[in-house]
Amino acid sequence: MLFDKYRYVVVAGPIGAGKTSLARLLAERFQAELMLENADANPFLARFYQDAARYALSTQLFFLFQRASQVQDLKQMELFGRATVADFMLDKDQLFAQLNLSDEEYRLYQQIYSHLKTQTPTPDLMIYLQVAPEVLADRVRGRGVEYEAPVTLDYLTRVADSYSRYFYHYDASPLLIVNSEHLNFVDQPQALDLLIERIGQMRGGREYFNYAA
């Protein structure tokens, strides 16, 4: 069974990549614990999209403490033998901090991040959903979240590039890179079956999944 091998699975990728949908499907299929980030709980996020320079640090620190607390809770879950699928990675916080904070703010942020990082577990499997910025922009517009309306293609391009650079060097756990530009796992159950089969065949390191309908 998949989660006998991978107890802590993270689905990662930029805004609009489809992380939450895939995480939900995997958790449902294998009756695993589902751990979702809660962007709506961040009181600074909407203001950040309106005035990034002013609200970047408060937005980022709120997310950092929120996500670190969630991931630290995994240690308690492990005592009861529950596997977990998450739709975020803690390192996501650092990617956005590098994009959005000034040099002085980032130095402060990094001190806090470094302390919290040592207290959190490493995923057993990382699934990276890779999507072109133009597709991300269409998806973000299509889901109609009010506070995301100011998000530009330029910003999504920088976010996507940041993820690409991060995963180019990633080696902390087995990594499956999924080209999900034309994938909707909710409406394509065969694609989900093939993805799960591909995960089961992994031997570690970096591997790829491409699906042609």
C-alpha atoms as a PDB file:
ATOM      1  CA  MET A   1       0.000   0.000   0.000  1.00  0.00           C
ATOM      2  CA  LEU A   2       1.256   3.463  -0.952  1.00  0.00           C
ATOM      3  CA  PHE A   3       1.217   4.960   2.540  1.00  0.00           C
ATOM      4  CA  ASP A   4       3.071   2.045   4.052  1.00  0.00           C
ATOM      5  CA  LYS A   5       6.013   3.391   2.059  1.00  0.00           C
ATOM      6  CA  TYR A   6       5.339   7.142   2.271  1.00  0.00           C
ATOM      7  CA  ARG A   7       3.840   8.325   5.556  1.00  0.00           C
ATOM      8  CA  TYR A   8       4.128  12.058   4.919  1.00  0.00           C
ATOM      9  CA  VAL A   9       3.373  13.161   1.351  1.00  0.00           C
ATOM     10  CA  VAL A  10       3.463  16.779   0.199  1.00  0.00           C
ATOM     11  CA  VAL A  11       1.864  18.086  -2.994  1.00  0.00           C
ATOM     12  CA  ALA A  12       3.654  21.306  -3.931  1.00  0.00           C
ATOM     13  CA  GLY A  13       3.475  23.886  -6.687  1.00  0.00           C
ATOM     14  CA  PRO A  14       2.634  27.523  -7.432  1.00  0.00           C
ATOM     15  CA  ILE A  15      -0.715  29.256  -7.046  1.00  0.00           C
ATOM     16  CA  GLY A  16      -3.313  27.515  -9.227  1.00  0.00           C
ATOM     17  CA  ALA A  17      -1.324  24.336  -9.851  1.00  0.00           C
ATOM     18  CA  GLY A  18      -4.027  22.051  -8.400  1.00  0.00           C
ATOM     19  CA  LYS A  19      -2.302  21.087  -5.149  1.00  0.00           C
ATOM     20  CA  THR A  20      -5.392  20.979  -2.933  1.00  0.00           C
ATOM     21  CA  SER A  21      -7.474  18.910  -5.341  1.00  0.00           C
ATOM     22  CA  LEU A  22      -4.781  16.265  -5.712  1.00  0.00           C
ATOM     23  CA  ALA A  23      -4.028  16.196  -1.980  1.00  0.00           C
ATOM     24  CA  ARG A  24      -7.731  15.644  -1.233  1.00  0.00           C
ATOM     25  CA  LEU A  25      -7.991  12.809  -3.757  1.00  0.00           C
ATOM     26  CA  LEU A  26      -4.914  11.025  -2.420  1.00  0.00           C
ATOM     27  CA  ALA A  27      -6.065  11.376   1.188  1.00  0.00           C
ATOM     28  CA  GLU A  28      -9.526  10.057   0.312  1.00  0.00           C
ATOM     29  CA  ARG A  29      -8.170   7.137  -1.709  1.00  0.00           C
ATOM     30  CA  PHE A  30      -5.870   5.963   1.078  1.00  0.00           C
ATOM     31  CA  GLN A  31      -7.842   7.198   4.107  1.00  0.00           C
ATOM     32  CA  ALA A  32      -4.941   9.392   5.159  1.00  0.00           C
ATOM     33  CA  GLU A  33      -4.954  12.539   7.239  1.00  0.00           C
ATOM     34  CA  LEU A  34      -5.409  15.661   5.077  1.00  0.00           C
ATOM     35  CA  MET A  35      -3.430  18.751   6.027  1.00  0.00           C
ATOM     36  CA  LEU A  36      -4.387  21.897   4.108  1.00  0.00           C
ATOM     37  CA  GLU A  37      -3.006  25.383   4.338  1.00  0.00           C
ATOM     38  CA  ASN A  38      -5.597  27.988   5.270  1.00  0.00           C
ATOM     39  CA  ALA A  39      -4.799  31.120   3.313  1.00  0.00           C
ATOM     40  CA  ASP A  40      -8.165  32.655   4.159  1.00  0.00           C
ATOM     41  CA  ALA A  41      -7.166  32.788   7.836  1.00  0.00           C
ATOM     42  CA  ASN A  42      -4.343  35.226   7.095  1.00  0.00           C
ATOM     43  CA  PRO A  43      -5.732  38.703   7.900  1.00  0.00           C
ATOM     44  CA  PHE A  44      -2.953  40.405   5.919  1.00  0.00           C
ATOM     45  CA  LEU A  45      -3.226  38.519   2.624  1.00  0.00           C
ATOM     46  CA  ALA A  46      -5.844  40.638   0.864  1.00  0.00           C
ATOM     47  CA  ARG A  47      -3.974  43.783   1.877  1.00  0.00           C
ATOM     48  CA  PHE A  48      -0.718  42.267   0.604  1.00  0.00           C
ATOM     49  CA  TYR A  49      -2.148  41.863  -2.885  1.00  0.00           C
ATOM     50  CA  GLN A  50      -3.176  45.527  -2.786  1.00  0.00           C
ATOM     51  CA  ASP A  51       0.083  46.890  -1.279  1.00  0.00           C
ATOM     52  CA  ALA A  52       2.830  44.268  -1.300  1.00  0.00           C
ATOM     53  CA  ALA A  53       5.640  46.447   0.015  1.00  0.00           C
ATOM     54  CA  ARG A  54       3.691  47.464   3.105  1.00  0.00           C
ATOM     55  CA  TYR A  55       2.189  44.115   4.065  1.00  0.00           C
ATOM     56  CA  ALA A  56       4.739  41.567   2.825  1.00  0.00           C
ATOM     57  CA  LEU A  57       6.474  40.949   6.152  1.00  0.00           C
ATOM     58  CA  SER A  58       3.321  40.638   8.267  1.00  0.00           C
ATOM     59  CA  THR A  59       1.743  38.372   5.643  1.00  0.00           C
ATOM     60  CA  GLN A  60       4.813  36.163   5.459  1.00  0.00           C
ATOM     61  CA  LEU A  61       5.323  35.835   9.209  1.00  0.00           C
ATOM     62  CA  PHE A  62       1.674  34.900   9.743  1.00  0.00           C
ATOM     63  CA  PHE A  63       1.987  32.147   7.138  1.00  0.00           C
ATOM     64  CA  LEU A  64       5.291  30.953   8.565  1.00  0.00           C
ATOM     65  CA  PHE A  65       3.958  30.490  12.097  1.00  0.00           C
ATOM     66  CA  GLN A  66       0.708  28.982  10.810  1.00  0.00           C
ATOM     67  CA  ARG A  67       2.391  26.424   8.565  1.00  0.00           C
ATOM     68  CA  ALA A  68       5.161  25.557  11.026  1.00  0.00           C
ATOM     69  CA  SER A  69       2.544  24.853  13.704  1.00  0.00           C
ATOM     70  CA  GLN A  70       0.631  22.556  11.348  1.00  0.00           C
ATOM     71  CA  VAL A  71       3.725  20.609  10.319  1.00  0.00           C
ATOM     72  CA  GLN A  72       4.932  20.298  13.916  1.00  0.00           C
ATOM     73  CA  ASP A  73       1.601  18.644  14.734  1.00  0.00           C
ATOM     74  CA  LEU A  74       2.654  15.738  12.509  1.00  0.00           C
ATOM     75  CA  LYS A  75       4.813  14.446  15.332  1.00  0.00           C
ATOM     76  CA  GLN A  76       1.675  13.936  17.395  1.00  0.00           C
ATOM     77  CA  MET A  77      -0.128  12.276  14.463  1.00  0.00           C
ATOM     78  CA  GLU A  78       2.765   9.869  13.985  1.00  0.00           C
ATOM     79  CA  LEU A  79       2.155   8.498  17.462  1.00  0.00           C
ATOM     80  CA  PHE A  80      -1.205   7.210  16.247  1.00  0.00           C
ATOM     81  CA  GLY A  81       0.051   5.805  12.963  1.00  0.00           C
ATOM     82  CA  ARG A  82      -1.843   8.121  10.636  1.00  0.00           C
ATOM     83  CA  ALA A  83      -0.338   8.861   7.242  1.00  0.00           C
ATOM     84  CA  THR A  84      -0.656  12.475   6.069  1.00  0.00           C
ATOM     85  CA  VAL A  85      -1.068  14.263   2.750  1.00  0.00           C
ATOM     86  CA  ALA A  86      -0.429  18.020   2.734  1.00  0.00           C
ATOM     87  CA  ASP A  87      -1.034  20.637   0.042  1.00  0.00           C
ATOM     88  CA  PHE A  88       1.895  22.791   1.139  1.00  0.00           C
ATOM     89  CA  MET A  89       5.534  22.510   2.133  1.00  0.00           C
ATOM     90  CA  LEU A  90       7.140  24.631   4.814  1.00  0.00           C
ATOM     91  CA  ASP A  91       9.866  25.718   2.380  1.00  0.00           C
ATOM     92  CA  LYS A  92       7.134  27.391   0.322  1.00  0.00           C
ATOM     93  CA  ASP A  93       7.281  30.128   2.910  1.00  0.00           C
ATOM     94  CA  GLN A  94      10.909  30.832   2.215  1.00  0.00           C
ATOM     95  CA  LEU A  95      10.319  30.969  -1.553  1.00  0.00           C
ATOM     96  CA  PHE A  96       7.686  33.664  -1.160  1.00  0.00           C
ATOM     97  CA  ALA A  97       9.766  35.515   1.415  1.00  0.00           C
ATOM     98  CA  GLN A  98      12.651  35.726  -1.045  1.00  0.00           C
ATOM     99  CA  LEU A  99      10.298  37.122  -3.678  1.00  0.00           C
ATOM    100  CA  ASN A 100       8.443  39.644  -1.561  1.00  0.00           C
ATOM    101  CA  LEU A 101      10.599  40.894   1.304  1.00  0.00           C
ATOM    102  CA  SER A 102      13.239  43.603   1.351  1.00  0.00           C
ATOM    103  CA  ASP A 103      16.789  42.603   2.263  1.00  0.00           C
ATOM    104  CA  GLU A 104      16.366  43.791   5.854  1.00  0.00           C
ATOM    105  CA  GLU A 105      13.005  42.062   6.251  1.00  0.00           C
ATOM    106  CA  TYR A 106      14.355  38.854   4.778  1.00  0.00           C
ATOM    107  CA  ARG A 107      17.260  38.749   7.219  1.00  0.00           C
ATOM    108  CA  LEU A 108      14.797  39.006  10.111  1.00  0.00           C
ATOM    109  CA  TYR A 109      12.501  36.430   8.530  1.00  0.00           C
ATOM    110  CA  GLN A 110      15.397  34.020   7.943  1.00  0.00           C
ATOM    111  CA  GLN A 111      16.367  34.003  11.616  1.00  0.00           C
ATOM    112  CA  ILE A 112      12.842  32.955  12.586  1.00  0.00           C
ATOM    113  CA  TYR A 113      12.510  30.471   9.723  1.00  0.00           C
ATOM    114  CA  SER A 114      15.820  28.750  10.529  1.00  0.00           C
ATOM    115  CA  HIS A 115      14.707  28.176  14.113  1.00  0.00           C
ATOM    116  CA  LEU A 116      11.315  26.746  13.152  1.00  0.00           C
ATOM    117  CA  LYS A 117      12.649  24.613  10.297  1.00  0.00           C
ATOM    118  CA  THR A 118      14.709  22.444  12.636  1.00  0.00           C
ATOM    119  CA  GLN A 119      11.530  21.473  14.514  1.00  0.00           C
ATOM    120  CA  THR A 120       9.621  20.131  11.512  1.00  0.00           C
ATOM    121  CA  PRO A 121       9.823  16.729   9.772  1.00  0.00           C
ATOM    122  CA  THR A 122      10.960  16.182   6.183  1.00  0.00           C
ATOM    123  CA  PRO A 123       8.384  14.755   3.739  1.00  0.00           C
ATOM    124  CA  ASP A 124       8.758  11.117   2.740  1.00  0.00           C
ATOM    125  CA  LEU A 125       7.615  12.013  -0.786  1.00  0.00           C
ATOM    126  CA  MET A 126       7.381  15.333  -2.602  1.00  0.00           C
ATOM    127  CA  ILE A 127       5.032  15.711  -5.581  1.00  0.00           C
ATOM    128  CA  TYR A 128       5.736  18.887  -7.562  1.00  0.00           C
ATOM    129  CA  LEU A 129       2.991  20.083  -9.929  1.00  0.00           C
ATOM    130  CA  GLN A 130       4.654  21.985 -12.759  1.00  0.00           C
ATOM    131  CA  VAL A 131       2.465  24.437 -14.705  1.00  0.00           C
ATOM    132  CA  ALA A 132       3.246  27.296 -17.130  1.00  0.00           C
ATOM    133  CA  PRO A 133       2.532  30.804 -15.760  1.00  0.00           C
ATOM    134  CA  GLU A 134      -0.052  31.538 -18.450  1.00  0.00           C
ATOM    135  CA  VAL A 135      -2.058  28.484 -17.397  1.00  0.00           C
ATOM    136  CA  LEU A 136      -1.748  29.488 -13.748  1.00  0.00           C
ATOM    137  CA  ALA A 137      -3.105  32.947 -14.594  1.00  0.00           C
ATOM    138  CA  ASP A 138      -6.134  31.434 -16.355  1.00  0.00           C
ATOM    139  CA  ARG A 139      -6.833  29.162 -13.403  1.00  0.00           C
ATOM    140  CA  VAL A 140      -6.477  31.920 -10.822  1.00  0.00           C
ATOM    141  CA  ARG A 141      -8.867  34.145 -12.777  1.00  0.00           C
ATOM    142  CA  GLY A 142     -11.248  31.234 -13.286  1.00  0.00           C
ATOM    143  CA  ARG A 143     -11.673  30.407  -9.624  1.00  0.00           C
ATOM    144  CA  GLY A 144     -12.753  33.968  -8.853  1.00  0.00           C
ATOM    145  CA  VAL A 145     -11.253  34.455  -5.389  1.00  0.00           C
ATOM    146  CA  GLU A 146     -11.748  38.135  -4.680  1.00  0.00           C
ATOM    147  CA  TYR A 147      -8.450  38.854  -2.945  1.00  0.00           C
ATOM    148  CA  GLU A 148      -6.549  37.132  -5.798  1.00  0.00           C
ATOM    149  CA  ALA A 149      -7.929  39.531  -8.419  1.00  0.00           C
ATOM    150  CA  PRO A 150      -4.827  41.806  -8.348  1.00  0.00           C
ATOM    151  CA  VAL A 151      -2.464  38.858  -9.033  1.00  0.00           C
ATOM    152  CA  THR A 152      -0.586  39.553 -12.282  1.00  0.00           C
ATOM    153  CA  LEU A 153       0.989  37.275 -14.864  1.00  0.00           C
ATOM    154  CA  ASP A 154       4.357  38.822 -14.012  1.00  0.00           C
ATOM    155  CA  TYR A 155       3.971  37.839 -10.359  1.00  0.00           C
ATOM    156  CA  LEU A 156       2.882  34.292 -11.253  1.00  0.00           C
ATOM    157  CA  THR A 157       5.861  33.997 -13.600  1.00  0.00           C
ATOM    158  CA  ARG A 158       8.227  34.937 -10.781  1.00  0.00           C
ATOM    159  CA  VAL A 159       6.506  32.460  -8.438  1.00  0.00           C
ATOM    160  CA  ALA A 160       6.697  29.647 -11.004  1.00  0.00           C
ATOM    161  CA  ASP A 161      10.365  30.399 -11.685  1.00  0.00           C
ATOM    162  CA  SER A 162      11.079  30.348  -7.956  1.00  0.00           C
ATOM    163  CA  TYR A 163       9.531  26.879  -7.645  1.00  0.00           C
ATOM    164  CA  SER A 164      11.466  25.636 -10.670  1.00  0.00           C
ATOM    165  CA  ARG A 165      14.775  26.805  -9.216  1.00  0.00           C
ATOM    166  CA  TYR A 166      13.953  25.298  -5.834  1.00  0.00           C
ATOM    167  CA  PHE A 167      13.078  21.865  -7.199  1.00  0.00           C
ATOM    168  CA  TYR A 168      16.023  21.868  -9.588  1.00  0.00           C
ATOM    169  CA  HIS A 169      18.216  21.510  -6.490  1.00  0.00           C
ATOM    170  CA  TYR A 170      15.793  19.551  -4.260  1.00  0.00           C
ATOM    171  CA  ASP A 171      17.168  16.308  -2.827  1.00  0.00           C
ATOM    172  CA  ALA A 172      15.713  16.091   0.690  1.00  0.00           C
ATOM    173  CA  SER A 173      13.314  13.267  -0.241  1.00  0.00           C
ATOM    174  CA  PRO A 174      12.061  11.352  -3.302  1.00  0.00           C
ATOM    175  CA  LEU A 175      10.621  13.818  -5.811  1.00  0.00           C
ATOM    176  CA  LEU A 176       7.988  13.201  -8.482  1.00  0.00           C
ATOM    177  CA  ILE A 177       7.655  16.047 -10.995  1.00  0.00           C
ATOM    178  CA  VAL A 178       4.209  16.116 -12.600  1.00  0.00           C
ATOM    179  CA  ASN A 179       3.417  18.131 -15.709  1.00  0.00           C
ATOM    180  CA  SER A 180      -0.127  19.120 -14.776  1.00  0.00           C
ATOM    181  CA  GLU A 181      -0.905  21.811 -17.358  1.00  0.00           C
ATOM    182  CA  HIS A 182      -3.538  19.625 -19.006  1.00  0.00           C
ATOM    183  CA  LEU A 183      -4.484  17.586 -15.969  1.00  0.00           C
ATOM    184  CA  ASN A 184      -7.545  17.773 -13.779  1.00  0.00           C
ATOM    185  CA  PHE A 185      -7.341  14.781 -11.471  1.00  0.00           C
ATOM    186  CA  VAL A 186     -10.916  15.358 -10.262  1.00  0.00           C
ATOM    187  CA  ASP A 187     -12.321  14.873 -13.782  1.00  0.00           C
ATOM    188  CA  GLN A 188      -9.686  12.406 -14.963  1.00  0.00           C
ATOM    189  CA  PRO A 189      -9.772   9.428 -12.577  1.00  0.00           C
ATOM    190  CA  GLN A 190      -7.647   7.376 -14.970  1.00  0.00           C
ATOM    191  CA  ALA A 191      -4.874   9.952 -14.631  1.00  0.00           C
ATOM    192  CA  LEU A 192      -5.079   9.655 -10.841  1.00  0.00           C
ATOM    193  CA  ASP A 193      -4.836   5.851 -11.079  1.00  0.00           C
ATOM    194  CA  LEU A 194      -1.759   6.112 -13.297  1.00  0.00           C
ATOM    195  CA  LEU A 195      -0.183   8.676 -10.989  1.00  0.00           C
ATOM    196  CA  ILE A 196      -0.661   6.391  -7.987  1.00  0.00           C
ATOM    197  CA  GLU A 197       0.787   3.492  -9.976  1.00  0.00           C
ATOM    198  CA  ARG A 198       3.776   5.668 -10.903  1.00  0.00           C
ATOM    199  CA  ILE A 199       4.351   6.612  -7.263  1.00  0.00           C
ATOM    200  CA  GLY A 200       4.302   2.947  -6.315  1.00  0.00           C
ATOM    201  CA  GLN A 201       7.053   2.267  -8.860  1.00  0.00           C
ATOM    202  CA  MET A 202       9.377   4.965  -7.560  1.00  0.00           C
ATOM    203  CA  ARG A 203      12.784   3.914  -6.297  1.00  0.00           C
ATOM    204  CA  GLY A 204      13.867   7.237  -4.838  1.00  0.00           C
ATOM    205  CA  GLY A 205      15.589  10.266  -6.269  1.00  0.00           C
ATOM    206  CA  ARG A 206      13.937  12.385  -8.983  1.00  0.00           C
ATOM    207  CA  GLU A 207      11.326  10.985 -11.339  1.00  0.00           C
ATOM    208  CA  TYR A 208       8.703  12.333 -13.775  1.00  0.00           C
ATOM    209  CA  PHE A 209       5.045  11.791 -14.625  1.00  0.00           C
ATOM    210  CA  ASN A 210       3.486  12.884 -17.905  1.00  0.00           C
ATOM    211  CA  TYR A 211      -0.078  11.974 -18.843  1.00  0.00           C
ATOM    212  CA  ALA A 212      -1.521  11.996 -22.339  1.00  0.00           C
ATOM    213  CA  ALA A 213      -5.315  11.642 -22.360  1.00  0.00           C
END
